[in-house]
């Protein structure tokens, strides 16, 4: 029996040490008790680097170009043409009769001519509808801008929600760390009393159970913090623990 008790205490102590090594150690050994979160203003500003914002901006640039084209569409009513000719014109001829031997004659001249033409064709339905087309294009551009602002406002709400959950979880983690430290101290006290015969094995089991529950509760909160940190990184496009 005396040999069993030290062995039992050794197993409990090893388990307690393995639990204790995980306290306050998050992803890659990060100490969450020393973690400083960026300000909300920084997170909001970094969120503007999102691909969604880039997509909206690209769409607005395209609509701006379409608006410029629509404003210049009146130029299609006018058509101007022209041509230029330059060269030599030559004529070869030959002549003969009964009294004149056959002879050849060549005559030529240089030619340089410029021709210019212009036409105006104005479809009245197109002219009177032009202002409406310009307005529609402006409205489409404004609609895209409002969609981007709406998305950004919703993204701010998501960032704030994640930020609040994270700060609350970090505060709870501190309390759970204190509780885990306390249960570990209680376990060591019961272990000493058990070794000296002042505590029953049921007391030792109860103390160990309390420590395990405290550790599991701590790890659950720690996992919540890790998941929320990664979630916040994605939402805000900000490196916090993935540096």
C-alpha atoms as a PDB file:
ATOM      1  CA  UNK A   1       0.000   0.000   0.000  1.00  0.00           C
ATOM      2  CA  UNK A   2       2.851   2.359   0.817  1.00  0.00           C
ATOM      3  CA  UNK A   3       4.326   1.749  -2.653  1.00  0.00           C
ATOM      4  CA  UNK A   4       0.999   2.419  -4.374  1.00  0.00           C
ATOM      5  CA  UNK A   5       0.464   5.801  -2.705  1.00  0.00           C
ATOM      6  CA  UNK A   6       3.754   7.379  -3.922  1.00  0.00           C
ATOM      7  CA  UNK A   7       3.091   6.040  -7.432  1.00  0.00           C
ATOM      8  CA  UNK A   8      -0.436   7.476  -7.374  1.00  0.00           C
ATOM      9  CA  UNK A   9       0.884  10.834  -6.228  1.00  0.00           C
ATOM     10  CA  UNK A  10       3.557  10.777  -8.929  1.00  0.00           C
ATOM     11  CA  UNK A  11       0.976  10.244 -11.690  1.00  0.00           C
ATOM     12  CA  UNK A  12      -1.190  13.063 -10.357  1.00  0.00           C
ATOM     13  CA  UNK A  13       1.797  15.410 -10.098  1.00  0.00           C
ATOM     14  CA  UNK A  14       2.935  14.660 -13.660  1.00  0.00           C
ATOM     15  CA  UNK A  15      -0.594  15.324 -14.911  1.00  0.00           C
ATOM     16  CA  UNK A  16      -0.723  18.609 -13.019  1.00  0.00           C
ATOM     17  CA  UNK A  17       2.580  19.727 -14.526  1.00  0.00           C
ATOM     18  CA  UNK A  18       1.417  18.897 -18.046  1.00  0.00           C
ATOM     19  CA  UNK A  19      -1.722  20.957 -17.458  1.00  0.00           C
ATOM     20  CA  UNK A  20       0.227  23.820 -15.968  1.00  0.00           C
ATOM     21  CA  UNK A  21       2.530  24.075 -18.979  1.00  0.00           C
ATOM     22  CA  UNK A  22      -0.437  25.090 -21.142  1.00  0.00           C
ATOM     23  CA  UNK A  23      -1.520  27.983 -18.948  1.00  0.00           C
ATOM     24  CA  UNK A  24      -1.538  31.304 -20.800  1.00  0.00           C
ATOM     25  CA  UNK A  25       0.079  29.727 -23.874  1.00  0.00           C
ATOM     26  CA  UNK A  26      -1.937  30.222 -27.027  1.00  0.00           C
ATOM     27  CA  UNK A  27      -1.061  29.712 -30.672  1.00  0.00           C
ATOM     28  CA  UNK A  28       2.674  29.118 -31.193  1.00  0.00           C
ATOM     29  CA  UNK A  29       3.275  29.598 -27.486  1.00  0.00           C
ATOM     30  CA  UNK A  30       1.802  33.109 -27.525  1.00  0.00           C
ATOM     31  CA  UNK A  31       1.103  34.494 -24.059  1.00  0.00           C
ATOM     32  CA  UNK A  32      -2.442  35.820 -24.229  1.00  0.00           C
ATOM     33  CA  UNK A  33      -1.992  37.720 -20.978  1.00  0.00           C
ATOM     34  CA  UNK A  34       0.515  39.993 -22.772  1.00  0.00           C
ATOM     35  CA  UNK A  35      -1.372  40.283 -26.039  1.00  0.00           C
ATOM     36  CA  UNK A  36      -2.226  43.850 -27.079  1.00  0.00           C
ATOM     37  CA  UNK A  37      -5.009  44.295 -29.601  1.00  0.00           C
ATOM     38  CA  UNK A  38      -4.841  47.015 -32.276  1.00  0.00           C
ATOM     39  CA  UNK A  39      -7.271  49.900 -31.916  1.00  0.00           C
ATOM     40  CA  UNK A  40     -10.618  49.745 -33.667  1.00  0.00           C
ATOM     41  CA  UNK A  41      -9.588  52.699 -35.846  1.00  0.00           C
ATOM     42  CA  UNK A  42      -6.578  50.746 -37.096  1.00  0.00           C
ATOM     43  CA  UNK A  43      -8.710  47.674 -37.756  1.00  0.00           C
ATOM     44  CA  UNK A  44     -11.265  49.750 -39.674  1.00  0.00           C
ATOM     45  CA  UNK A  45      -8.559  51.375 -41.784  1.00  0.00           C
ATOM     46  CA  UNK A  46      -6.884  48.064 -42.591  1.00  0.00           C
ATOM     47  CA  UNK A  47     -10.241  46.568 -43.562  1.00  0.00           C
ATOM     48  CA  UNK A  48     -10.229  48.916 -46.563  1.00  0.00           C
ATOM     49  CA  UNK A  49      -7.564  46.659 -48.083  1.00  0.00           C
ATOM     50  CA  UNK A  50     -10.166  43.939 -48.482  1.00  0.00           C
ATOM     51  CA  UNK A  51     -10.650  42.433 -51.968  1.00  0.00           C
ATOM     52  CA  UNK A  52     -14.307  43.475 -51.717  1.00  0.00           C
ATOM     53  CA  UNK A  53     -13.298  47.146 -51.528  1.00  0.00           C
ATOM     54  CA  UNK A  54     -10.926  46.676 -54.458  1.00  0.00           C
ATOM     55  CA  UNK A  55     -13.751  45.088 -56.442  1.00  0.00           C
ATOM     56  CA  UNK A  56     -16.093  48.029 -55.734  1.00  0.00           C
ATOM     57  CA  UNK A  57     -13.393  50.571 -56.634  1.00  0.00           C
ATOM     58  CA  UNK A  58     -12.631  48.769 -59.883  1.00  0.00           C
ATOM     59  CA  UNK A  59     -16.322  48.756 -60.757  1.00  0.00           C
ATOM     60  CA  UNK A  60     -16.587  52.500 -60.064  1.00  0.00           C
ATOM     61  CA  UNK A  61     -13.564  53.210 -62.284  1.00  0.00           C
ATOM     62  CA  UNK A  62     -15.225  51.281 -65.084  1.00  0.00           C
ATOM     63  CA  UNK A  63     -18.441  53.261 -64.617  1.00  0.00           C
ATOM     64  CA  UNK A  64     -16.481  56.541 -64.615  1.00  0.00           C
ATOM     65  CA  UNK A  65     -14.995  55.616 -67.992  1.00  0.00           C
ATOM     66  CA  UNK A  66     -18.434  54.724 -69.336  1.00  0.00           C
ATOM     67  CA  UNK A  67     -19.724  58.102 -68.140  1.00  0.00           C
ATOM     68  CA  UNK A  68     -16.924  59.908 -69.991  1.00  0.00           C
ATOM     69  CA  UNK A  69     -17.727  57.961 -73.139  1.00  0.00           C
ATOM     70  CA  UNK A  70     -21.414  58.819 -72.814  1.00  0.00           C
ATOM     71  CA  UNK A  71     -20.642  62.522 -72.423  1.00  0.00           C
ATOM     72  CA  UNK A  72     -18.594  62.418 -75.640  1.00  0.00           C
ATOM     73  CA  UNK A  73     -21.167  60.394 -77.551  1.00  0.00           C
ATOM     74  CA  UNK A  74     -22.346  63.535 -79.431  1.00  0.00           C
ATOM     75  CA  UNK A  75     -19.228  63.270 -81.590  1.00  0.00           C
ATOM     76  CA  UNK A  76     -20.756  60.330 -83.449  1.00  0.00           C
ATOM     77  CA  UNK A  77     -23.208  62.762 -85.094  1.00  0.00           C
ATOM     78  CA  UNK A  78     -20.377  64.194 -87.211  1.00  0.00           C
ATOM     79  CA  UNK A  79     -18.458  62.348 -89.877  1.00  0.00           C
ATOM     80  CA  UNK A  80     -15.509  63.808 -91.736  1.00  0.00           C
ATOM     81  CA  UNK A  81     -13.736  62.156 -94.642  1.00  0.00           C
ATOM     82  CA  UNK A  82     -10.979  63.038 -97.038  1.00  0.00           C
ATOM     83  CA  UNK A  83      -8.579  61.732 -99.612  1.00  0.00           C
ATOM     84  CA  UNK A  84      -5.380  62.851-101.256  1.00  0.00           C
ATOM     85  CA  UNK A  85      -4.101  61.849-104.660  1.00  0.00           C
ATOM     86  CA  UNK A  86      -0.613  62.338-105.973  1.00  0.00           C
ATOM     87  CA  UNK A  87       1.120  60.875-109.027  1.00  0.00           C
ATOM     88  CA  UNK A  88       1.833  61.113-112.729  1.00  0.00           C
ATOM     89  CA  UNK A  89      -0.673  60.682-115.537  1.00  0.00           C
ATOM     90  CA  UNK A  90       0.863  59.544-118.822  1.00  0.00           C
ATOM     91  CA  UNK A  91      -0.522  58.853-122.292  1.00  0.00           C
ATOM     92  CA  UNK A  92       1.260  56.788-124.919  1.00  0.00           C
ATOM     93  CA  UNK A  93       0.163  57.268-128.519  1.00  0.00           C
ATOM     94  CA  UNK A  94       1.384  56.317-131.968  1.00  0.00           C
ATOM     95  CA  UNK A  95       0.647  57.812-135.387  1.00  0.00           C
ATOM     96  CA  UNK A  96       1.236  56.888-138.995  1.00  0.00           C
ATOM     97  CA  UNK A  97      -0.240  57.501-142.463  1.00  0.00           C
ATOM     98  CA  UNK A  98       0.807  56.990-146.090  1.00  0.00           C
ATOM     99  CA  UNK A  99       3.286  59.791-146.014  1.00  0.00           C
ATOM    100  CA  UNK A 100       4.403  59.553-142.394  1.00  0.00           C
ATOM    101  CA  UNK A 101       6.324  56.728-140.882  1.00  0.00           C
ATOM    102  CA  UNK A 102       5.074  55.209-137.637  1.00  0.00           C
ATOM    103  CA  UNK A 103       6.161  57.164-134.588  1.00  0.00           C
ATOM    104  CA  UNK A 104       5.376  57.016-130.906  1.00  0.00           C
ATOM    105  CA  UNK A 105       4.470  59.924-128.674  1.00  0.00           C
ATOM    106  CA  UNK A 106       4.274  60.165-124.876  1.00  0.00           C
ATOM    107  CA  UNK A 107       2.706  62.969-122.899  1.00  0.00           C
ATOM    108  CA  UNK A 108       2.295  63.136-119.092  1.00  0.00           C
ATOM    109  CA  UNK A 109       1.603  65.447-116.198  1.00  0.00           C
ATOM    110  CA  UNK A 110       1.890  65.372-112.426  1.00  0.00           C
ATOM    111  CA  UNK A 111      -1.322  65.320-110.395  1.00  0.00           C
ATOM    112  CA  UNK A 112      -1.786  66.483-106.780  1.00  0.00           C
ATOM    113  CA  UNK A 113      -5.349  66.627-105.464  1.00  0.00           C
ATOM    114  CA  UNK A 114      -6.979  66.820-102.020  1.00  0.00           C
ATOM    115  CA  UNK A 115     -10.628  65.960-101.420  1.00  0.00           C
ATOM    116  CA  UNK A 116     -12.441  66.717 -98.128  1.00  0.00           C
ATOM    117  CA  UNK A 117     -16.008  65.772 -97.216  1.00  0.00           C
ATOM    118  CA  UNK A 118     -18.157  66.045 -94.138  1.00  0.00           C
ATOM    119  CA  UNK A 119     -21.615  64.927 -93.069  1.00  0.00           C
ATOM    120  CA  UNK A 120     -23.852  65.615 -90.102  1.00  0.00           C
ATOM    121  CA  UNK A 121     -26.456  63.069 -89.011  1.00  0.00           C
ATOM    122  CA  UNK A 122     -28.425  63.846 -85.870  1.00  0.00           C
ATOM    123  CA  UNK A 123     -31.031  61.279 -84.683  1.00  0.00           C
ATOM    124  CA  UNK A 124     -33.402  63.324 -82.537  1.00  0.00           C
ATOM    125  CA  UNK A 125     -34.411  60.446 -80.272  1.00  0.00           C
ATOM    126  CA  UNK A 126     -30.757  59.904 -79.422  1.00  0.00           C
ATOM    127  CA  UNK A 127     -30.180  63.615 -78.811  1.00  0.00           C
ATOM    128  CA  UNK A 128     -33.119  64.077 -76.465  1.00  0.00           C
ATOM    129  CA  UNK A 129     -32.342  60.874 -74.553  1.00  0.00           C
ATOM    130  CA  UNK A 130     -28.660  61.717 -74.089  1.00  0.00           C
ATOM    131  CA  UNK A 131     -29.145  63.566 -70.784  1.00  0.00           C
ATOM    132  CA  UNK A 132     -31.108  60.605 -69.408  1.00  0.00           C
ATOM    133  CA  UNK A 133     -28.319  58.221 -70.355  1.00  0.00           C
ATOM    134  CA  UNK A 134     -25.767  60.405 -68.601  1.00  0.00           C
ATOM    135  CA  UNK A 135     -27.963  60.554 -65.488  1.00  0.00           C
ATOM    136  CA  UNK A 136     -28.438  56.784 -65.494  1.00  0.00           C
ATOM    137  CA  UNK A 137     -24.693  56.275 -65.706  1.00  0.00           C
ATOM    138  CA  UNK A 138     -24.142  58.660 -62.787  1.00  0.00           C
ATOM    139  CA  UNK A 139     -26.792  56.838 -60.769  1.00  0.00           C
ATOM    140  CA  UNK A 140     -25.139  53.474 -61.436  1.00  0.00           C
ATOM    141  CA  UNK A 141     -21.832  54.869 -60.239  1.00  0.00           C
ATOM    142  CA  UNK A 142     -23.461  56.303 -57.116  1.00  0.00           C
ATOM    143  CA  UNK A 143     -25.240  52.997 -56.481  1.00  0.00           C
ATOM    144  CA  UNK A 144     -21.915  51.144 -56.527  1.00  0.00           C
ATOM    145  CA  UNK A 145     -20.439  53.717 -54.146  1.00  0.00           C
ATOM    146  CA  UNK A 146     -23.353  53.243 -51.741  1.00  0.00           C
ATOM    147  CA  UNK A 147     -22.982  49.462 -51.950  1.00  0.00           C
ATOM    148  CA  UNK A 148     -19.337  49.814 -50.927  1.00  0.00           C
ATOM    149  CA  UNK A 149     -20.232  52.103 -48.007  1.00  0.00           C
ATOM    150  CA  UNK A 150     -22.961  49.689 -46.919  1.00  0.00           C
ATOM    151  CA  UNK A 151     -20.535  46.759 -47.063  1.00  0.00           C
ATOM    152  CA  UNK A 152     -17.954  48.726 -45.071  1.00  0.00           C
ATOM    153  CA  UNK A 153     -20.507  49.658 -42.383  1.00  0.00           C
ATOM    154  CA  UNK A 154     -21.521  46.006 -42.077  1.00  0.00           C
ATOM    155  CA  UNK A 155     -17.861  45.014 -41.911  1.00  0.00           C
ATOM    156  CA  UNK A 156     -17.328  47.514 -39.088  1.00  0.00           C
ATOM    157  CA  UNK A 157     -20.192  45.920 -37.166  1.00  0.00           C
ATOM    158  CA  UNK A 158     -18.655  42.470 -37.658  1.00  0.00           C
ATOM    159  CA  UNK A 159     -15.252  43.740 -36.513  1.00  0.00           C
ATOM    160  CA  UNK A 160     -16.754  45.390 -33.421  1.00  0.00           C
ATOM    161  CA  UNK A 161     -18.697  42.229 -32.569  1.00  0.00           C
ATOM    162  CA  UNK A 162     -15.559  40.097 -32.852  1.00  0.00           C
ATOM    163  CA  UNK A 163     -13.515  42.683 -30.932  1.00  0.00           C
ATOM    164  CA  UNK A 164     -15.971  42.757 -28.023  1.00  0.00           C
ATOM    165  CA  UNK A 165     -16.157  38.953 -27.864  1.00  0.00           C
ATOM    166  CA  UNK A 166     -12.379  38.808 -27.878  1.00  0.00           C
ATOM    167  CA  UNK A 167     -11.856  41.365 -25.104  1.00  0.00           C
ATOM    168  CA  UNK A 168     -14.495  39.654 -22.945  1.00  0.00           C
ATOM    169  CA  UNK A 169     -12.915  36.241 -23.498  1.00  0.00           C
ATOM    170  CA  UNK A 170      -9.484  37.608 -22.593  1.00  0.00           C
ATOM    171  CA  UNK A 171     -10.881  39.048 -19.344  1.00  0.00           C
ATOM    172  CA  UNK A 172     -12.556  35.731 -18.537  1.00  0.00           C
ATOM    173  CA  UNK A 173      -9.305  33.918 -19.317  1.00  0.00           C
ATOM    174  CA  UNK A 174      -7.529  35.860 -16.576  1.00  0.00           C
ATOM    175  CA  UNK A 175     -10.127  34.759 -14.034  1.00  0.00           C
ATOM    176  CA  UNK A 176      -9.962  31.176 -15.234  1.00  0.00           C
ATOM    177  CA  UNK A 177      -6.182  31.299 -14.982  1.00  0.00           C
ATOM    178  CA  UNK A 178      -6.498  32.375 -11.353  1.00  0.00           C
ATOM    179  CA  UNK A 179      -9.025  29.608 -10.733  1.00  0.00           C
ATOM    180  CA  UNK A 180      -6.742  27.030 -12.368  1.00  0.00           C
ATOM    181  CA  UNK A 181      -3.798  28.188 -10.275  1.00  0.00           C
ATOM    182  CA  UNK A 182      -5.941  27.922  -7.144  1.00  0.00           C
ATOM    183  CA  UNK A 183      -7.146  24.390  -7.948  1.00  0.00           C
ATOM    184  CA  UNK A 184      -3.564  23.313  -8.638  1.00  0.00           C
ATOM    185  CA  UNK A 185      -2.495  24.699  -5.256  1.00  0.00           C
ATOM    186  CA  UNK A 186      -5.404  22.931  -3.566  1.00  0.00           C
ATOM    187  CA  UNK A 187      -4.444  19.682  -5.289  1.00  0.00           C
ATOM    188  CA  UNK A 188      -0.871  19.956  -4.044  1.00  0.00           C
ATOM    189  CA  UNK A 189      -2.142  20.577  -0.508  1.00  0.00           C
ATOM    190  CA  UNK A 190      -4.429  17.543  -0.659  1.00  0.00           C
ATOM    191  CA  UNK A 191      -1.586  15.465  -2.107  1.00  0.00           C
ATOM    192  CA  UNK A 192       0.610  16.411   0.845  1.00  0.00           C
ATOM    193  CA  UNK A 193      -2.187  15.657   3.313  1.00  0.00           C
ATOM    194  CA  UNK A 194      -2.859  12.337   1.567  1.00  0.00           C
ATOM    195  CA  UNK A 195       0.803  11.391   1.751  1.00  0.00           C
ATOM    196  CA  UNK A 196       0.793  12.175   5.481  1.00  0.00           C
ATOM    197  CA  UNK A 197      -2.431  10.264   6.039  1.00  0.00           C
ATOM    198  CA  UNK A 198      -4.524  13.380   6.755  1.00  0.00           C
ATOM    199  CA  UNK A 199      -6.752  13.080   3.659  1.00  0.00           C
ATOM    200  CA  UNK A 200      -8.729  10.260   2.108  1.00  0.00           C
ATOM    201  CA  UNK A 201      -8.382   9.123  -1.483  1.00  0.00           C
ATOM    202  CA  UNK A 202     -11.840  10.540  -2.194  1.00  0.00           C
ATOM    203  CA  UNK A 203     -10.538  13.978  -1.199  1.00  0.00           C
ATOM    204  CA  UNK A 204      -7.635  13.534  -3.603  1.00  0.00           C
ATOM    205  CA  UNK A 205      -9.967  12.482  -6.420  1.00  0.00           C
ATOM    206  CA  UNK A 206     -12.241  15.461  -5.758  1.00  0.00           C
ATOM    207  CA  UNK A 207      -9.299  17.884  -5.821  1.00  0.00           C
ATOM    208  CA  UNK A 208      -7.994  16.346  -9.032  1.00  0.00           C
ATOM    209  CA  UNK A 209     -11.428  16.529 -10.636  1.00  0.00           C
ATOM    210  CA  UNK A 210     -11.679  20.228  -9.766  1.00  0.00           C
ATOM    211  CA  UNK A 211      -8.286  20.858 -11.334  1.00  0.00           C
ATOM    212  CA  UNK A 212      -9.199  18.987 -14.529  1.00  0.00           C
ATOM    213  CA  UNK A 213     -12.484  20.889 -14.841  1.00  0.00           C
ATOM    214  CA  UNK A 214     -10.693  24.192 -14.279  1.00  0.00           C
ATOM    215  CA  UNK A 215      -8.120  23.292 -16.930  1.00  0.00           C
ATOM    216  CA  UNK A 216     -10.750  22.224 -19.460  1.00  0.00           C
ATOM    217  CA  UNK A 217     -12.680  25.437 -18.868  1.00  0.00           C
ATOM    218  CA  UNK A 218      -9.478  27.417 -19.325  1.00  0.00           C
ATOM    219  CA  UNK A 219      -8.588  25.641 -22.575  1.00  0.00           C
ATOM    220  CA  UNK A 220     -12.108  26.166 -23.916  1.00  0.00           C
ATOM    221  CA  UNK A 221     -11.828  29.917 -23.370  1.00  0.00           C
ATOM    222  CA  UNK A 222      -8.338  29.887 -24.850  1.00  0.00           C
ATOM    223  CA  UNK A 223      -9.649  28.136 -27.972  1.00  0.00           C
ATOM    224  CA  UNK A 224     -12.397  30.740 -28.228  1.00  0.00           C
ATOM    225  CA  UNK A 225      -9.783  33.501 -28.110  1.00  0.00           C
ATOM    226  CA  UNK A 226      -7.660  31.819 -30.775  1.00  0.00           C
ATOM    227  CA  UNK A 227     -10.626  31.354 -33.122  1.00  0.00           C
ATOM    228  CA  UNK A 228     -11.826  34.921 -32.547  1.00  0.00           C
ATOM    229  CA  UNK A 229      -8.341  36.328 -33.151  1.00  0.00           C
ATOM    230  CA  UNK A 230      -8.063  34.539 -36.483  1.00  0.00           C
ATOM    231  CA  UNK A 231     -11.590  35.651 -37.353  1.00  0.00           C
ATOM    232  CA  UNK A 232     -10.692  39.255 -36.535  1.00  0.00           C
ATOM    233  CA  UNK A 233      -7.554  39.005 -38.670  1.00  0.00           C
ATOM    234  CA  UNK A 234      -9.609  37.968 -41.687  1.00  0.00           C
ATOM    235  CA  UNK A 235     -12.256  40.634 -41.148  1.00  0.00           C
ATOM    236  CA  UNK A 236      -9.798  43.492 -40.627  1.00  0.00           C
ATOM    237  CA  UNK A 237      -6.952  42.298 -42.873  1.00  0.00           C
ATOM    238  CA  UNK A 238      -4.637  42.846 -39.881  1.00  0.00           C
ATOM    239  CA  UNK A 239      -1.917  40.510 -38.665  1.00  0.00           C
ATOM    240  CA  UNK A 240      -2.281  39.938 -34.913  1.00  0.00           C
ATOM    241  CA  UNK A 241      -1.042  36.422 -34.129  1.00  0.00           C
ATOM    242  CA  UNK A 242      -0.135  35.330 -37.663  1.00  0.00           C
ATOM    243  CA  UNK A 243       2.870  37.629 -37.877  1.00  0.00           C
END
